[in-house]
PDB file of N, CA and C in Angstrom:
ATOM      1  N   MET A   1      -8.094 -41.517  68.578  1.00  0.00           N
ATOM      2  CA  MET A   1      -7.142 -40.321  68.232  1.00  0.00           C
ATOM      3  C   MET A   1      -7.091 -39.642  66.871  1.00  0.00           C
ATOM      4  N   ASN A   2      -7.054 -38.423  67.704  1.00  0.00           N
ATOM      5  CA  ASN A   2      -7.083 -37.596  65.652  1.00  0.00           C
ATOM      6  C   ASN A   2      -5.220 -36.831  66.096  1.00  0.00           C
ATOM      7  N   ALA A   3      -5.195 -36.867  64.702  1.00  0.00           N
ATOM      8  CA  ALA A   3      -3.807 -36.364  64.412  1.00  0.00           C
ATOM      9  C   ALA A   3      -3.492 -35.671  63.613  1.00  0.00           C
ATOM     10  N   THR A   4      -2.837 -34.612  63.534  1.00  0.00           N
ATOM     11  CA  THR A   4      -2.675 -33.532  62.028  1.00  0.00           C
ATOM     12  C   THR A   4      -1.279 -34.152  61.462  1.00  0.00           C
ATOM     13  N   VAL A   5      -1.268 -34.311  60.385  1.00  0.00           N
ATOM     14  CA  VAL A   5      -0.127 -34.459  59.663  1.00  0.00           C
ATOM     15  C   VAL A   5      -0.062 -34.164  58.151  1.00  0.00           C
ATOM     16  N   SER A   6       1.233 -33.168  58.128  1.00  0.00           N
ATOM     17  CA  SER A   6       0.947 -32.204  56.979  1.00  0.00           C
ATOM     18  C   SER A   6       1.202 -33.204  55.491  1.00  0.00           C
ATOM     19  N   LEU A   7       0.939 -33.200  54.097  1.00  0.00           N
ATOM     20  CA  LEU A   7       1.466 -33.490  53.382  1.00  0.00           C
ATOM     21  C   LEU A   7       2.653 -33.703  53.215  1.00  0.00           C
ATOM     22  N   GLU A   8       3.693 -32.950  53.669  1.00  0.00           N
ATOM     23  CA  GLU A   8       5.179 -33.155  53.424  1.00  0.00           C
ATOM     24  C   GLU A   8       5.588 -34.374  54.752  1.00  0.00           C
ATOM     25  N   GLY A   9       4.495 -34.304  55.808  1.00  0.00           N
ATOM     26  CA  GLY A   9       4.964 -35.141  57.051  1.00  0.00           C
ATOM     27  C   GLY A   9       4.552 -36.815  55.834  1.00  0.00           C
ATOM     28  N   ILE A  10       3.291 -36.865  55.546  1.00  0.00           N
ATOM     29  CA  ILE A  10       3.079 -38.148  54.839  1.00  0.00           C
ATOM     30  C   ILE A  10       4.117 -38.629  53.741  1.00  0.00           C
ATOM     31  N   LEU A  11       4.270 -37.363  52.893  1.00  0.00           N
ATOM     32  CA  LEU A  11       5.164 -38.017  51.688  1.00  0.00           C
ATOM     33  C   LEU A  11       6.569 -38.336  52.348  1.00  0.00           C
ATOM     34  N   GLN A  12       6.793 -37.995  53.786  1.00  0.00           N
ATOM     35  CA  GLN A  12       8.264 -38.374  54.247  1.00  0.00           C
ATOM     36  C   GLN A  12       7.863 -39.710  55.148  1.00  0.00           C
ATOM     37  N   MET A  13       6.570 -40.703  55.523  1.00  0.00           N
ATOM     38  CA  MET A  13       6.186 -41.739  55.773  1.00  0.00           C
ATOM     39  C   MET A  13       6.543 -42.557  55.050  1.00  0.00           C
ATOM     40  N   LEU A  14       5.896 -41.855  53.763  1.00  0.00           N
ATOM     41  CA  LEU A  14       6.018 -43.025  52.462  1.00  0.00           C
ATOM     42  C   LEU A  14       7.434 -43.290  51.765  1.00  0.00           C
ATOM     43  N   GLN A  15       8.639 -42.499  51.938  1.00  0.00           N
ATOM     44  CA  GLN A  15       9.686 -42.625  51.554  1.00  0.00           C
ATOM     45  C   GLN A  15      10.035 -44.340  51.508  1.00  0.00           C
ATOM     46  N   PRO A  16       9.901 -45.356  52.616  1.00  0.00           N
ATOM     47  CA  PRO A  16      10.686 -46.412  52.652  1.00  0.00           C
ATOM     48  C   PRO A  16       9.831 -47.590  51.526  1.00  0.00           C
ATOM     49  N   LEU A  17       8.707 -47.033  50.961  1.00  0.00           N
ATOM     50  CA  LEU A  17       7.957 -47.942  50.403  1.00  0.00           C
ATOM     51  C   LEU A  17       8.479 -48.108  49.390  1.00  0.00           C
ATOM     52  N   SER A  18       8.832 -49.651  48.360  1.00  0.00           N
ATOM     53  CA  SER A  18       8.920 -50.011  47.223  1.00  0.00           C
ATOM     54  C   SER A  18       8.362 -49.317  46.125  1.00  0.00           C
ATOM     55  N   ALA A  19       9.210 -49.006  45.303  1.00  0.00           N
ATOM     56  CA  ALA A  19       8.707 -48.002  43.937  1.00  0.00           C
ATOM     57  C   ALA A  19       6.968 -48.758  43.680  1.00  0.00           C
ATOM     58  N   ASP A  20       6.976 -50.084  43.685  1.00  0.00           N
ATOM     59  CA  ASP A  20       5.663 -50.689  43.408  1.00  0.00           C
ATOM     60  C   ASP A  20       4.330 -50.145  44.035  1.00  0.00           C
ATOM     61  N   SER A  21       5.146 -50.527  45.565  1.00  0.00           N
ATOM     62  CA  SER A  21       4.129 -49.916  46.400  1.00  0.00           C
ATOM     63  C   SER A  21       3.249 -48.497  46.489  1.00  0.00           C
ATOM     64  N   LYS A  22       4.597 -47.444  46.109  1.00  0.00           N
ATOM     65  CA  LYS A  22       4.207 -46.119  45.983  1.00  0.00           C
ATOM     66  C   LYS A  22       3.464 -45.934  44.793  1.00  0.00           C
ATOM     67  N   ARG A  23       3.325 -46.875  43.690  1.00  0.00           N
ATOM     68  CA  ARG A  23       2.784 -46.799  42.399  1.00  0.00           C
ATOM     69  C   ARG A  23       1.514 -47.378  42.555  1.00  0.00           C
ATOM     70  N   TRP A  24       1.243 -48.136  43.371  1.00  0.00           N
ATOM     71  CA  TRP A  24      -0.034 -48.881  43.765  1.00  0.00           C
ATOM     72  C   TRP A  24      -0.858 -47.419  44.585  1.00  0.00           C
ATOM     73  N   LEU A  25      -0.211 -47.091  45.352  1.00  0.00           N
ATOM     74  CA  LEU A  25      -0.560 -46.190  46.041  1.00  0.00           C
ATOM     75  C   LEU A  25      -1.411 -45.040  45.571  1.00  0.00           C
ATOM     76  N   GLY A  26      -0.640 -44.514  44.645  1.00  0.00           N
ATOM     77  CA  GLY A  26      -0.682 -43.536  43.619  1.00  0.00           C
ATOM     78  C   GLY A  26      -1.948 -43.705  42.938  1.00  0.00           C
ATOM     79  N   GLU A  27      -2.015 -44.747  42.563  1.00  0.00           N
ATOM     80  CA  GLU A  27      -3.169 -44.854  41.404  1.00  0.00           C
ATOM     81  C   GLU A  27      -4.648 -45.537  42.766  1.00  0.00           C
ATOM     82  N   ARG A  28      -4.302 -45.655  43.441  1.00  0.00           N
ATOM     83  CA  ARG A  28      -5.290 -45.684  44.579  1.00  0.00           C
ATOM     84  C   ARG A  28      -6.238 -44.436  44.539  1.00  0.00           C
ATOM     85  N   LEU A  29      -4.763 -43.530  45.063  1.00  0.00           N
ATOM     86  CA  LEU A  29      -5.563 -42.225  45.029  1.00  0.00           C
ATOM     87  C   LEU A  29      -5.684 -41.656  44.249  1.00  0.00           C
ATOM     88  N   ILE A  30      -5.193 -41.661  43.019  1.00  0.00           N
ATOM     89  CA  ILE A  30      -6.338 -41.296  41.815  1.00  0.00           C
ATOM     90  C   ILE A  30      -7.622 -41.469  41.601  1.00  0.00           C
ATOM     91  N   LYS A  31      -8.119 -43.326  41.520  1.00  0.00           N
ATOM     92  CA  LYS A  31      -9.114 -43.865  41.242  1.00  0.00           C
ATOM     93  C   LYS A  31      -9.991 -43.027  42.338  1.00  0.00           C
ATOM     94  N   GLU A  32      -9.666 -43.276  43.427  1.00  0.00           N
ATOM     95  CA  GLU A  32     -10.545 -42.695  44.374  1.00  0.00           C
ATOM     96  C   GLU A  32     -11.283 -41.050  44.683  1.00  0.00           C
ATOM     97  N   SER A  33      -9.864 -40.393  44.080  1.00  0.00           N
ATOM     98  CA  SER A  33      -9.859 -39.197  43.941  1.00  0.00           C
ATOM     99  C   SER A  33     -11.358 -38.974  42.626  1.00  0.00           C
ATOM    100  N   ARG A  34     -11.296 -39.633  41.769  1.00  0.00           N
ATOM    101  CA  ARG A  34     -12.291 -39.522  40.278  1.00  0.00           C
ATOM    102  C   ARG A  34     -13.250 -39.902  40.835  1.00  0.00           C
ATOM    103  N   GLU A  35     -13.400 -41.134  41.877  1.00  0.00           N
ATOM    104  CA  GLU A  35     -15.067 -41.136  42.266  1.00  0.00           C
ATOM    105  C   GLU A  35     -15.383 -40.253  43.232  1.00  0.00           C
ATOM    106  N   ASN A  36     -14.770 -39.852  43.956  1.00  0.00           N
ATOM    107  CA  ASN A  36     -15.133 -38.597  44.889  1.00  0.00           C
ATOM    108  C   ASN A  36     -15.527 -37.204  44.406  1.00  0.00           C
ATOM    109  N   ALA A  37     -14.805 -37.416  43.155  1.00  0.00           N
ATOM    110  CA  ALA A  37     -14.805 -35.880  42.678  1.00  0.00           C
ATOM    111  C   ALA A  37     -16.436 -35.205  42.344  1.00  0.00           C
ATOM    112  N   PRO A  38     -16.082 -33.916  42.807  1.00  0.00           N
ATOM    113  CA  PRO A  38     -17.820 -33.723  43.401  1.00  0.00           C
ATOM    114  C   PRO A  38     -18.564 -33.505  41.920  1.00  0.00           C
ATOM    115  N   CYS A  39     -17.979 -33.466  40.291  1.00  0.00           N
ATOM    116  CA  CYS A  39     -18.820 -33.032  39.257  1.00  0.00           C
ATOM    117  C   CYS A  39     -17.579 -33.586  38.514  1.00  0.00           C
ATOM    118  N   GLN A  40     -17.892 -34.264  37.226  1.00  0.00           N
ATOM    119  CA  GLN A  40     -17.585 -34.553  36.334  1.00  0.00           C
ATOM    120  C   GLN A  40     -18.157 -34.872  35.224  1.00  0.00           C
ATOM    121  N   TYR A  41     -17.371 -34.454  34.115  1.00  0.00           N
ATOM    122  CA  TYR A  41     -18.333 -34.131  33.060  1.00  0.00           C
ATOM    123  C   TYR A  41     -17.120 -35.226  31.879  1.00  0.00           C
ATOM    124  N   THR A  42     -18.080 -35.244  30.869  1.00  0.00           N
ATOM    125  CA  THR A  42     -17.712 -35.998  29.692  1.00  0.00           C
ATOM    126  C   THR A  42     -17.137 -34.827  28.605  1.00  0.00           C
ATOM    127  N   ALA A  43     -16.151 -35.909  28.128  1.00  0.00           N
ATOM    128  CA  ALA A  43     -15.519 -34.504  26.929  1.00  0.00           C
ATOM    129  C   ALA A  43     -16.618 -33.677  26.342  1.00  0.00           C
ATOM    130  N   GLU A  44     -17.683 -34.630  25.902  1.00  0.00           N
ATOM    131  CA  GLU A  44     -18.490 -33.852  25.057  1.00  0.00           C
ATOM    132  C   GLU A  44     -19.469 -32.985  25.620  1.00  0.00           C
ATOM    133  N   GLU A  45     -19.629 -32.874  27.111  1.00  0.00           N
ATOM    134  CA  GLU A  45     -20.343 -32.216  27.596  1.00  0.00           C
ATOM    135  C   GLU A  45     -19.576 -31.095  28.178  1.00  0.00           C
ATOM    136  N   MET A  46     -18.075 -31.100  28.071  1.00  0.00           N
ATOM    137  CA  MET A  46     -17.214 -30.058  28.587  1.00  0.00           C
ATOM    138  C   MET A  46     -16.979 -29.108  26.906  1.00  0.00           C
ATOM    139  N   ARG A  47     -16.911 -29.766  26.075  1.00  0.00           N
ATOM    140  CA  ARG A  47     -17.180 -29.060  24.785  1.00  0.00           C
ATOM    141  C   ARG A  47     -18.472 -28.201  24.463  1.00  0.00           C
ATOM    142  N   LYS A  48     -19.353 -29.135  24.185  1.00  0.00           N
ATOM    143  CA  LYS A  48     -20.494 -28.198  24.428  1.00  0.00           C
ATOM    144  C   LYS A  48     -20.685 -26.856  25.177  1.00  0.00           C
ATOM    145  N   HIS A  49     -19.946 -27.168  26.763  1.00  0.00           N
ATOM    146  CA  HIS A  49     -20.564 -25.533  27.316  1.00  0.00           C
ATOM    147  C   HIS A  49     -19.169 -24.953  27.244  1.00  0.00           C
ATOM    148  N   LEU A  50     -18.088 -25.265  26.547  1.00  0.00           N
ATOM    149  CA  LEU A  50     -17.049 -24.217  26.118  1.00  0.00           C
ATOM    150  C   LEU A  50     -17.574 -23.636  24.975  1.00  0.00           C
ATOM    151  N   LEU A  51     -18.274 -24.728  24.193  1.00  0.00           N
ATOM    152  CA  LEU A  51     -18.860 -23.358  22.742  1.00  0.00           C
ATOM    153  C   LEU A  51     -20.052 -22.288  23.565  1.00  0.00           C
ATOM    154  N   GLN A  52     -20.479 -22.907  24.033  1.00  0.00           N
ATOM    155  CA  GLN A  52     -21.713 -21.858  24.994  1.00  0.00           C
ATOM    156  C   GLN A  52     -21.471 -20.609  25.258  1.00  0.00           C
ATOM    157  N   VAL A  53     -19.873 -21.013  26.075  1.00  0.00           N
ATOM    158  CA  VAL A  53     -19.301 -19.744  26.902  1.00  0.00           C
ATOM    159  C   VAL A  53     -18.712 -18.802  25.266  1.00  0.00           C
ATOM    160  N   GLU A  54     -17.992 -19.241  24.679  1.00  0.00           N
ATOM    161  CA  GLU A  54     -17.607 -18.584  23.397  1.00  0.00           C
ATOM    162  C   GLU A  54     -18.426 -18.053  22.796  1.00  0.00           C
ATOM    163  N   ALA A  55     -19.645 -18.210  22.747  1.00  0.00           N
ATOM    164  CA  ALA A  55     -20.506 -17.960  21.629  1.00  0.00           C
ATOM    165  C   ALA A  55     -21.130 -16.630  22.683  1.00  0.00           C
ATOM    166  N   ARG A  56     -21.312 -16.827  24.292  1.00  0.00           N
ATOM    167  CA  ARG A  56     -21.432 -15.819  24.832  1.00  0.00           C
ATOM    168  C   ARG A  56     -20.513 -14.577  24.759  1.00  0.00           C
ATOM    169  N   ILE A  57     -19.297 -15.357  24.956  1.00  0.00           N
ATOM    170  CA  ILE A  57     -18.288 -14.112  25.045  1.00  0.00           C
ATOM    171  C   ILE A  57     -18.101 -12.707  23.785  1.00  0.00           C
ATOM    172  N   GLN A  58     -18.578 -14.100  22.442  1.00  0.00           N
ATOM    173  CA  GLN A  58     -18.618 -13.325  21.295  1.00  0.00           C
ATOM    174  C   GLN A  58     -19.860 -12.278  20.768  1.00  0.00           C
ATOM    175  N   GLN A  59     -20.900 -12.490  22.227  1.00  0.00           N
ATOM    176  CA  GLN A  59     -22.030 -11.682  21.984  1.00  0.00           C
ATOM    177  C   GLN A  59     -21.699 -10.292  22.597  1.00  0.00           C
ATOM    178  N   GLY A  60     -20.949 -10.566  23.558  1.00  0.00           N
ATOM    179  CA  GLY A  60     -20.307  -9.529  24.743  1.00  0.00           C
ATOM    180  C   GLY A  60     -20.944  -9.599  26.157  1.00  0.00           C
ATOM    181  N   ASP A  61     -21.674 -10.960  26.528  1.00  0.00           N
ATOM    182  CA  ASP A  61     -21.838 -11.148  27.556  1.00  0.00           C
ATOM    183  C   ASP A  61     -20.756 -12.398  28.311  1.00  0.00           C
ATOM    184  N   PRO A  62     -19.633 -11.516  28.900  1.00  0.00           N
ATOM    185  CA  PRO A  62     -18.392 -13.038  29.474  1.00  0.00           C
ATOM    186  C   PRO A  62     -19.016 -13.547  30.673  1.00  0.00           C
ATOM    187  N   GLY A  63     -20.213 -13.062  31.364  1.00  0.00           N
ATOM    188  CA  GLY A  63     -21.064 -14.398  32.216  1.00  0.00           C
ATOM    189  C   GLY A  63     -20.316 -13.860  33.481  1.00  0.00           C
ATOM    190  N   ILE A  64     -19.658 -12.565  33.942  1.00  0.00           N
ATOM    191  CA  ILE A  64     -19.128 -12.146  35.124  1.00  0.00           C
ATOM    192  C   ILE A  64     -18.966 -10.951  34.952  1.00  0.00           C
ATOM    193  N   SER A  65     -19.468 -10.239  36.262  1.00  0.00           N
ATOM    194  CA  SER A  65     -18.924  -8.640  35.922  1.00  0.00           C
ATOM    195  C   SER A  65     -17.254  -8.144  36.357  1.00  0.00           C
ATOM    196  N   ASN A  66     -17.098  -7.241  35.951  1.00  0.00           N
ATOM    197  CA  ASN A  66     -15.923  -6.784  36.355  1.00  0.00           C
ATOM    198  C   ASN A  66     -15.353  -6.758  37.960  1.00  0.00           C
ATOM    199  N   GLU A  67     -16.329  -6.351  38.790  1.00  0.00           N
ATOM    200  CA  GLU A  67     -16.015  -6.579  40.413  1.00  0.00           C
ATOM    201  C   GLU A  67     -16.295  -8.236  40.525  1.00  0.00           C
ATOM    202  N   GLU A  68     -17.093  -9.038  40.238  1.00  0.00           N
ATOM    203  CA  GLU A  68     -16.598 -10.348  40.415  1.00  0.00           C
ATOM    204  C   GLU A  68     -15.522 -10.302  40.329  1.00  0.00           C
ATOM    205  N   VAL A  69     -14.645 -10.600  39.325  1.00  0.00           N
ATOM    206  CA  VAL A  69     -13.592 -10.781  38.214  1.00  0.00           C
ATOM    207  C   VAL A  69     -12.126 -10.313  39.392  1.00  0.00           C
ATOM    208  N   GLU A  70     -12.581  -8.833  40.049  1.00  0.00           N
ATOM    209  CA  GLU A  70     -11.783  -8.163  40.866  1.00  0.00           C
ATOM    210  C   GLU A  70     -11.805  -9.066  42.213  1.00  0.00           C
TER     211      GLU A  70
END
């Protein structure tokens, strides 16, 4: 059986849960979302990438055309 439930519907179903149960579920969802994230970067990797982008922009290369932005 397949069912479609809106996120609001799910939230309503969870209202009777205790605060501890809601906290457990929230932590579990966060953990699972991090594990299933398509791309994870370390802080150092992100810092290097941002520095590279900043340098490219300072050289006049935004990396994306105005048409692509629009």
